[in-house]
């Protein structure tokens, strides 16, 4: 039987923590709680949770700083950013520093539980998928290559620093060359939930960030291309 998964809640509003704890425990998760960013970072490091729900506006250390510190230390625990602000810049920043997902307050508990489950499942599937990759390497196209064993991407032989989500999006598209996927398809295949509406913008943000890292000229991409009105695909020239 699989061990019980643990969610670390880092949130300074006690009533929100209480609601999250109740609903997560009802779904079978263990929970840990922290009420400021510094304590949240310490608990993330010491208790090794399976997922972190991380508020942005926190005392002592904000959520972006916590996420950045974890990623710089090589910790790839799934992080869902909780923000009360609708500003696109906050969502983009969260993705840029390595958050896996974001959800804007007020949120439905059903949606939050679905995202928690999807992100934990995605992480659980990543390890066996990497382990079974043939020879641990996938030559992609032109000057771009992926080593699926070390989960590294190279351009002209130089390693590129990608977030986990950027890496997974790239490897998914590259493993299905020239096949076009809609934003909803990618939400289902890479993000592991079919949530539509405003959240498909997450795909656009992640594609834009990925292009900035892997393309010689992001404004005129050679690898991840757009089929207007349909979606994205990884181009491999015959």
C-alpha atoms as a PDB file:
ATOM      1  CA  UNK A   1       0.000   0.000   0.000  1.00  0.00           C
ATOM      2  CA  UNK A   2       1.290   3.458  -0.905  1.00  0.00           C
ATOM      3  CA  UNK A   3       2.375   5.589   1.995  1.00  0.00           C
ATOM      4  CA  UNK A   4       0.203   8.516   2.960  1.00  0.00           C
ATOM      5  CA  UNK A   5       1.218  11.681   1.113  1.00  0.00           C
ATOM      6  CA  UNK A   6       2.092  14.816   3.079  1.00  0.00           C
ATOM      7  CA  UNK A   7       1.138  18.370   2.109  1.00  0.00           C
ATOM      8  CA  UNK A   8       2.908  21.314   3.739  1.00  0.00           C
ATOM      9  CA  UNK A   9       0.614  24.350   4.039  1.00  0.00           C
ATOM     10  CA  UNK A  10       2.514  27.646   4.276  1.00  0.00           C
ATOM     11  CA  UNK A  11      -0.097  30.323   4.952  1.00  0.00           C
ATOM     12  CA  UNK A  12      -0.336  33.090   7.557  1.00  0.00           C
ATOM     13  CA  UNK A  13      -4.154  33.235   7.760  1.00  0.00           C
ATOM     14  CA  UNK A  14      -5.174  30.665  10.359  1.00  0.00           C
ATOM     15  CA  UNK A  15      -8.726  30.305   9.112  1.00  0.00           C
ATOM     16  CA  UNK A  16      -7.458  29.374   5.633  1.00  0.00           C
ATOM     17  CA  UNK A  17      -4.973  26.900   7.133  1.00  0.00           C
ATOM     18  CA  UNK A  18      -7.781  25.299   9.157  1.00  0.00           C
ATOM     19  CA  UNK A  19      -9.996  24.923   6.071  1.00  0.00           C
ATOM     20  CA  UNK A  20      -7.158  23.501   3.973  1.00  0.00           C
ATOM     21  CA  UNK A  21      -6.083  21.108   6.732  1.00  0.00           C
ATOM     22  CA  UNK A  22      -9.628  19.806   7.201  1.00  0.00           C
ATOM     23  CA  UNK A  23     -10.264  19.210   3.505  1.00  0.00           C
ATOM     24  CA  UNK A  24      -6.852  17.715   2.751  1.00  0.00           C
ATOM     25  CA  UNK A  25      -7.035  15.326   5.699  1.00  0.00           C
ATOM     26  CA  UNK A  26     -10.529  14.331   4.623  1.00  0.00           C
ATOM     27  CA  UNK A  27      -9.021  13.365   1.246  1.00  0.00           C
ATOM     28  CA  UNK A  28      -6.440  11.165   2.984  1.00  0.00           C
ATOM     29  CA  UNK A  29      -3.420  13.474   3.084  1.00  0.00           C
ATOM     30  CA  UNK A  30      -1.242  14.187   6.075  1.00  0.00           C
ATOM     31  CA  UNK A  31      -0.657  17.882   6.627  1.00  0.00           C
ATOM     32  CA  UNK A  32       2.021  20.063   8.151  1.00  0.00           C
ATOM     33  CA  UNK A  33       1.551  23.775   8.724  1.00  0.00           C
ATOM     34  CA  UNK A  34       3.747  26.873   8.808  1.00  0.00           C
ATOM     35  CA  UNK A  35       2.545  30.442   9.357  1.00  0.00           C
ATOM     36  CA  UNK A  36       5.522  32.358   7.958  1.00  0.00           C
ATOM     37  CA  UNK A  37       7.944  31.881   5.083  1.00  0.00           C
ATOM     38  CA  UNK A  38      11.019  31.182   7.166  1.00  0.00           C
ATOM     39  CA  UNK A  39       9.318  28.402   9.140  1.00  0.00           C
ATOM     40  CA  UNK A  40       7.849  27.070   5.888  1.00  0.00           C
ATOM     41  CA  UNK A  41      11.282  26.830   4.298  1.00  0.00           C
ATOM     42  CA  UNK A  42      12.708  25.082   7.358  1.00  0.00           C
ATOM     43  CA  UNK A  43       9.851  22.549   7.421  1.00  0.00           C
ATOM     44  CA  UNK A  44      10.158  21.964   3.682  1.00  0.00           C
ATOM     45  CA  UNK A  45      13.811  21.087   4.172  1.00  0.00           C
ATOM     46  CA  UNK A  46      13.414  18.999   7.324  1.00  0.00           C
ATOM     47  CA  UNK A  47      10.138  17.155   6.680  1.00  0.00           C
ATOM     48  CA  UNK A  48      10.386  16.579   2.917  1.00  0.00           C
ATOM     49  CA  UNK A  49       6.672  16.906   2.068  1.00  0.00           C
ATOM     50  CA  UNK A  50       5.213  15.523  -1.151  1.00  0.00           C
ATOM     51  CA  UNK A  51       3.758  18.928  -2.086  1.00  0.00           C
ATOM     52  CA  UNK A  52       3.755  22.497  -0.778  1.00  0.00           C
ATOM     53  CA  UNK A  53       0.824  24.923  -0.838  1.00  0.00           C
ATOM     54  CA  UNK A  54       2.644  28.235  -0.625  1.00  0.00           C
ATOM     55  CA  UNK A  55       1.031  31.619  -0.043  1.00  0.00           C
ATOM     56  CA  UNK A  56       2.757  34.608  -1.655  1.00  0.00           C
ATOM     57  CA  UNK A  57       2.196  37.264   1.020  1.00  0.00           C
ATOM     58  CA  UNK A  58       3.912  35.853   4.116  1.00  0.00           C
ATOM     59  CA  UNK A  59       5.720  37.338   7.127  1.00  0.00           C
ATOM     60  CA  UNK A  60       9.527  37.079   7.398  1.00  0.00           C
ATOM     61  CA  UNK A  61       9.990  35.650   3.894  1.00  0.00           C
ATOM     62  CA  UNK A  62       7.542  35.791   1.007  1.00  0.00           C
ATOM     63  CA  UNK A  63       6.421  32.787  -1.004  1.00  0.00           C
ATOM     64  CA  UNK A  64       8.527  33.641  -4.047  1.00  0.00           C
ATOM     65  CA  UNK A  65      11.659  33.760  -1.875  1.00  0.00           C
ATOM     66  CA  UNK A  66      10.797  30.391  -0.317  1.00  0.00           C
ATOM     67  CA  UNK A  67      10.263  28.767  -3.719  1.00  0.00           C
ATOM     68  CA  UNK A  68      13.449  30.285  -5.119  1.00  0.00           C
ATOM     69  CA  UNK A  69      15.487  29.040  -2.141  1.00  0.00           C
ATOM     70  CA  UNK A  70      14.153  25.495  -2.585  1.00  0.00           C
ATOM     71  CA  UNK A  71      14.873  25.405  -6.309  1.00  0.00           C
ATOM     72  CA  UNK A  72      18.355  26.856  -5.915  1.00  0.00           C
ATOM     73  CA  UNK A  73      19.081  24.022  -3.458  1.00  0.00           C
ATOM     74  CA  UNK A  74      17.941  21.458  -6.044  1.00  0.00           C
ATOM     75  CA  UNK A  75      14.664  20.587  -4.295  1.00  0.00           C
ATOM     76  CA  UNK A  76      12.031  19.719  -6.913  1.00  0.00           C
ATOM     77  CA  UNK A  77       9.092  19.206  -4.539  1.00  0.00           C
ATOM     78  CA  UNK A  78       5.878  20.273  -6.313  1.00  0.00           C
ATOM     79  CA  UNK A  79       4.915  23.826  -5.301  1.00  0.00           C
ATOM     80  CA  UNK A  80       1.480  25.366  -5.834  1.00  0.00           C
ATOM     81  CA  UNK A  81       1.538  29.124  -5.300  1.00  0.00           C
ATOM     82  CA  UNK A  82      -1.510  30.631  -3.585  1.00  0.00           C
ATOM     83  CA  UNK A  83      -2.079  34.273  -4.423  1.00  0.00           C
ATOM     84  CA  UNK A  84      -4.901  36.703  -3.720  1.00  0.00           C
ATOM     85  CA  UNK A  85      -3.774  38.849  -6.611  1.00  0.00           C
ATOM     86  CA  UNK A  86      -4.959  38.467 -10.183  1.00  0.00           C
ATOM     87  CA  UNK A  87      -1.941  40.206 -11.670  1.00  0.00           C
ATOM     88  CA  UNK A  88      -0.394  38.286 -14.547  1.00  0.00           C
ATOM     89  CA  UNK A  89       3.089  39.363 -13.418  1.00  0.00           C
ATOM     90  CA  UNK A  90       2.706  37.415 -10.166  1.00  0.00           C
ATOM     91  CA  UNK A  91       1.691  34.272 -12.030  1.00  0.00           C
ATOM     92  CA  UNK A  92       4.574  34.627 -14.476  1.00  0.00           C
ATOM     93  CA  UNK A  93       7.075  35.237 -11.675  1.00  0.00           C
ATOM     94  CA  UNK A  94       5.888  32.131  -9.835  1.00  0.00           C
ATOM     95  CA  UNK A  95       6.438  29.999 -12.932  1.00  0.00           C
ATOM     96  CA  UNK A  96       9.790  31.634 -13.674  1.00  0.00           C
ATOM     97  CA  UNK A  97      11.241  30.784 -10.270  1.00  0.00           C
ATOM     98  CA  UNK A  98      10.143  27.176 -10.477  1.00  0.00           C
ATOM     99  CA  UNK A  99       6.619  26.893  -9.068  1.00  0.00           C
ATOM    100  CA  UNK A 100       4.672  24.048 -10.664  1.00  0.00           C
ATOM    101  CA  UNK A 101       1.266  25.664 -10.522  1.00  0.00           C
ATOM    102  CA  UNK A 102      -0.660  28.604  -9.120  1.00  0.00           C
ATOM    103  CA  UNK A 103      -4.178  29.115  -7.894  1.00  0.00           C
ATOM    104  CA  UNK A 104      -5.838  32.454  -7.203  1.00  0.00           C
ATOM    105  CA  UNK A 105      -7.874  33.179  -4.095  1.00  0.00           C
ATOM    106  CA  UNK A 106     -10.740  32.776  -3.628  1.00  0.00           C
ATOM    107  CA  UNK A 107     -10.565  29.236  -4.992  1.00  0.00           C
ATOM    108  CA  UNK A 108     -12.938  26.295  -4.876  1.00  0.00           C
ATOM    109  CA  UNK A 109     -11.780  23.494  -2.597  1.00  0.00           C
ATOM    110  CA  UNK A 110     -12.680  20.952  -5.266  1.00  0.00           C
ATOM    111  CA  UNK A 111     -10.331  22.624  -7.734  1.00  0.00           C
ATOM    112  CA  UNK A 112      -7.515  22.897  -5.196  1.00  0.00           C
ATOM    113  CA  UNK A 113      -7.804  19.221  -4.208  1.00  0.00           C
ATOM    114  CA  UNK A 114      -7.743  18.247  -7.905  1.00  0.00           C
ATOM    115  CA  UNK A 115      -4.554  20.244  -8.470  1.00  0.00           C
ATOM    116  CA  UNK A 116      -2.873  18.809  -5.395  1.00  0.00           C
ATOM    117  CA  UNK A 117      -3.622  15.281  -6.596  1.00  0.00           C
ATOM    118  CA  UNK A 118      -2.524  16.007 -10.167  1.00  0.00           C
ATOM    119  CA  UNK A 119       0.821  17.481  -9.132  1.00  0.00           C
ATOM    120  CA  UNK A 120       1.598  14.636  -6.724  1.00  0.00           C
ATOM    121  CA  UNK A 121       0.701  12.024  -9.371  1.00  0.00           C
ATOM    122  CA  UNK A 122       2.849  13.780 -11.961  1.00  0.00           C
ATOM    123  CA  UNK A 123       5.882  13.665  -9.675  1.00  0.00           C
ATOM    124  CA  UNK A 124       5.276  10.004  -8.844  1.00  0.00           C
ATOM    125  CA  UNK A 125       5.175   9.142 -12.563  1.00  0.00           C
ATOM    126  CA  UNK A 126       8.297  11.136 -13.459  1.00  0.00           C
ATOM    127  CA  UNK A 127      10.833   8.833 -11.775  1.00  0.00           C
ATOM    128  CA  UNK A 128       9.836   5.540 -13.441  1.00  0.00           C
ATOM    129  CA  UNK A 129       9.460   7.315 -16.780  1.00  0.00           C
ATOM    130  CA  UNK A 130      13.000   8.648 -16.540  1.00  0.00           C
ATOM    131  CA  UNK A 131      14.345   5.290 -15.386  1.00  0.00           C
ATOM    132  CA  UNK A 132      12.955   3.458 -18.411  1.00  0.00           C
ATOM    133  CA  UNK A 133      14.134   5.966 -20.989  1.00  0.00           C
ATOM    134  CA  UNK A 134      16.156   4.160 -23.644  1.00  0.00           C
ATOM    135  CA  UNK A 135      19.879   4.685 -23.116  1.00  0.00           C
ATOM    136  CA  UNK A 136      19.030   7.710 -21.000  1.00  0.00           C
ATOM    137  CA  UNK A 137      19.295  10.094 -23.921  1.00  0.00           C
ATOM    138  CA  UNK A 138      17.076  11.515 -26.620  1.00  0.00           C
ATOM    139  CA  UNK A 139      18.707  13.369 -29.482  1.00  0.00           C
ATOM    140  CA  UNK A 140      16.167  15.992 -30.394  1.00  0.00           C
ATOM    141  CA  UNK A 141      16.949  18.215 -33.334  1.00  0.00           C
ATOM    142  CA  UNK A 142      19.703  20.439 -34.623  1.00  0.00           C
ATOM    143  CA  UNK A 143      21.805  21.781 -31.770  1.00  0.00           C
ATOM    144  CA  UNK A 144      19.314  20.773 -29.041  1.00  0.00           C
ATOM    145  CA  UNK A 145      19.503  17.508 -27.067  1.00  0.00           C
ATOM    146  CA  UNK A 146      17.920  15.997 -23.965  1.00  0.00           C
ATOM    147  CA  UNK A 147      19.442  13.517 -21.530  1.00  0.00           C
ATOM    148  CA  UNK A 148      16.427  11.871 -19.933  1.00  0.00           C
ATOM    149  CA  UNK A 149      18.545  10.043 -17.370  1.00  0.00           C
ATOM    150  CA  UNK A 150      20.032  13.185 -15.852  1.00  0.00           C
ATOM    151  CA  UNK A 151      16.966  15.237 -16.889  1.00  0.00           C
ATOM    152  CA  UNK A 152      19.224  17.816 -18.524  1.00  0.00           C
ATOM    153  CA  UNK A 153      18.785  19.768 -21.728  1.00  0.00           C
ATOM    154  CA  UNK A 154      21.715  20.979 -23.831  1.00  0.00           C
ATOM    155  CA  UNK A 155      22.054  23.566 -26.585  1.00  0.00           C
ATOM    156  CA  UNK A 156      25.340  23.494 -28.489  1.00  0.00           C
ATOM    157  CA  UNK A 157      26.660  21.238 -25.734  1.00  0.00           C
ATOM    158  CA  UNK A 158      25.890  23.762 -22.994  1.00  0.00           C
ATOM    159  CA  UNK A 159      23.445  22.791 -20.224  1.00  0.00           C
ATOM    160  CA  UNK A 160      20.275  24.888 -20.030  1.00  0.00           C
ATOM    161  CA  UNK A 161      18.658  25.544 -16.655  1.00  0.00           C
ATOM    162  CA  UNK A 162      14.970  24.608 -16.960  1.00  0.00           C
ATOM    163  CA  UNK A 163      12.290  24.351 -14.312  1.00  0.00           C
ATOM    164  CA  UNK A 164      10.760  20.915 -13.868  1.00  0.00           C
ATOM    165  CA  UNK A 165       7.592  21.973 -15.690  1.00  0.00           C
ATOM    166  CA  UNK A 166       9.547  23.448 -18.597  1.00  0.00           C
ATOM    167  CA  UNK A 167      11.566  20.229 -18.852  1.00  0.00           C
ATOM    168  CA  UNK A 168       8.432  18.071 -18.848  1.00  0.00           C
ATOM    169  CA  UNK A 169       6.707  20.211 -21.473  1.00  0.00           C
ATOM    170  CA  UNK A 170       9.772  20.067 -23.734  1.00  0.00           C
ATOM    171  CA  UNK A 171      10.267  16.319 -23.398  1.00  0.00           C
ATOM    172  CA  UNK A 172       6.563  15.640 -24.000  1.00  0.00           C
ATOM    173  CA  UNK A 173       6.464  17.685 -27.199  1.00  0.00           C
ATOM    174  CA  UNK A 174       9.868  16.420 -28.376  1.00  0.00           C
ATOM    175  CA  UNK A 175       8.805  12.800 -27.896  1.00  0.00           C
ATOM    176  CA  UNK A 176       5.858  13.431 -30.267  1.00  0.00           C
ATOM    177  CA  UNK A 177       7.613  15.394 -33.033  1.00  0.00           C
ATOM    178  CA  UNK A 178       5.511  17.444 -35.449  1.00  0.00           C
ATOM    179  CA  UNK A 179       2.284  16.499 -33.646  1.00  0.00           C
ATOM    180  CA  UNK A 180       0.150  19.495 -32.713  1.00  0.00           C
ATOM    181  CA  UNK A 181      -1.329  19.679 -29.200  1.00  0.00           C
ATOM    182  CA  UNK A 182      -3.928  22.191 -28.089  1.00  0.00           C
ATOM    183  CA  UNK A 183      -3.501  24.070 -24.827  1.00  0.00           C
ATOM    184  CA  UNK A 184      -6.181  21.876 -23.258  1.00  0.00           C
ATOM    185  CA  UNK A 185      -4.347  18.747 -24.505  1.00  0.00           C
ATOM    186  CA  UNK A 186      -1.163  19.989 -22.847  1.00  0.00           C
ATOM    187  CA  UNK A 187      -2.967  20.808 -19.604  1.00  0.00           C
ATOM    188  CA  UNK A 188      -4.160  17.197 -19.544  1.00  0.00           C
ATOM    189  CA  UNK A 189      -0.907  15.548 -20.654  1.00  0.00           C
ATOM    190  CA  UNK A 190       1.726  17.667 -18.905  1.00  0.00           C
ATOM    191  CA  UNK A 191      -0.165  19.357 -16.068  1.00  0.00           C
ATOM    192  CA  UNK A 192      -2.329  16.239 -15.534  1.00  0.00           C
ATOM    193  CA  UNK A 193      -5.655  17.978 -15.290  1.00  0.00           C
ATOM    194  CA  UNK A 194      -8.104  19.136 -17.887  1.00  0.00           C
ATOM    195  CA  UNK A 195      -8.892  22.464 -16.292  1.00  0.00           C
ATOM    196  CA  UNK A 196      -9.809  24.950 -18.991  1.00  0.00           C
ATOM    197  CA  UNK A 197     -10.621  28.626 -19.151  1.00  0.00           C
ATOM    198  CA  UNK A 198      -8.210  31.221 -17.823  1.00  0.00           C
ATOM    199  CA  UNK A 199      -5.688  28.588 -16.719  1.00  0.00           C
ATOM    200  CA  UNK A 200      -4.723  27.602 -20.240  1.00  0.00           C
ATOM    201  CA  UNK A 201      -2.684  30.836 -20.153  1.00  0.00           C
ATOM    202  CA  UNK A 202      -0.284  28.865 -17.956  1.00  0.00           C
ATOM    203  CA  UNK A 203       0.647  26.889 -21.068  1.00  0.00           C
ATOM    204  CA  UNK A 204       1.371  30.076 -23.028  1.00  0.00           C
ATOM    205  CA  UNK A 205       3.551  31.461 -20.226  1.00  0.00           C
ATOM    206  CA  UNK A 206       5.515  28.219 -19.937  1.00  0.00           C
ATOM    207  CA  UNK A 207       6.006  27.973 -23.708  1.00  0.00           C
ATOM    208  CA  UNK A 208       7.234  31.568 -23.817  1.00  0.00           C
ATOM    209  CA  UNK A 209       9.703  30.952 -20.979  1.00  0.00           C
ATOM    210  CA  UNK A 210      10.896  27.722 -22.603  1.00  0.00           C
ATOM    211  CA  UNK A 211      11.443  29.436 -25.954  1.00  0.00           C
ATOM    212  CA  UNK A 212      13.536  32.129 -24.261  1.00  0.00           C
ATOM    213  CA  UNK A 213      15.843  29.411 -22.964  1.00  0.00           C
ATOM    214  CA  UNK A 214      16.139  26.954 -25.850  1.00  0.00           C
ATOM    215  CA  UNK A 215      15.691  29.077 -28.963  1.00  0.00           C
ATOM    216  CA  UNK A 216      18.459  31.103 -30.588  1.00  0.00           C
ATOM    217  CA  UNK A 217      15.797  33.643 -31.557  1.00  0.00           C
ATOM    218  CA  UNK A 218      12.675  33.267 -29.384  1.00  0.00           C
ATOM    219  CA  UNK A 219      10.748  35.657 -31.652  1.00  0.00           C
ATOM    220  CA  UNK A 220      11.317  33.277 -34.555  1.00  0.00           C
ATOM    221  CA  UNK A 221      11.416  29.841 -32.918  1.00  0.00           C
ATOM    222  CA  UNK A 222      12.886  26.794 -34.620  1.00  0.00           C
ATOM    223  CA  UNK A 223      11.784  24.106 -32.161  1.00  0.00           C
ATOM    224  CA  UNK A 224       8.492  24.858 -30.425  1.00  0.00           C
ATOM    225  CA  UNK A 225       6.173  26.260 -33.061  1.00  0.00           C
ATOM    226  CA  UNK A 226       2.610  27.536 -32.998  1.00  0.00           C
ATOM    227  CA  UNK A 227      -0.087  26.231 -35.308  1.00  0.00           C
ATOM    228  CA  UNK A 228      -2.368  29.249 -35.222  1.00  0.00           C
ATOM    229  CA  UNK A 229      -5.791  28.494 -33.822  1.00  0.00           C
ATOM    230  CA  UNK A 230      -4.782  24.934 -32.912  1.00  0.00           C
ATOM    231  CA  UNK A 231      -1.846  24.725 -30.516  1.00  0.00           C
ATOM    232  CA  UNK A 232       1.862  23.955 -30.209  1.00  0.00           C
ATOM    233  CA  UNK A 233       4.183  21.353 -31.684  1.00  0.00           C
ATOM    234  CA  UNK A 234       7.865  20.416 -31.687  1.00  0.00           C
ATOM    235  CA  UNK A 235       9.322  20.811 -35.147  1.00  0.00           C
ATOM    236  CA  UNK A 236      11.794  18.232 -36.429  1.00  0.00           C
ATOM    237  CA  UNK A 237      13.131  18.854 -39.915  1.00  0.00           C
ATOM    238  CA  UNK A 238      13.588  15.757 -42.025  1.00  0.00           C
END
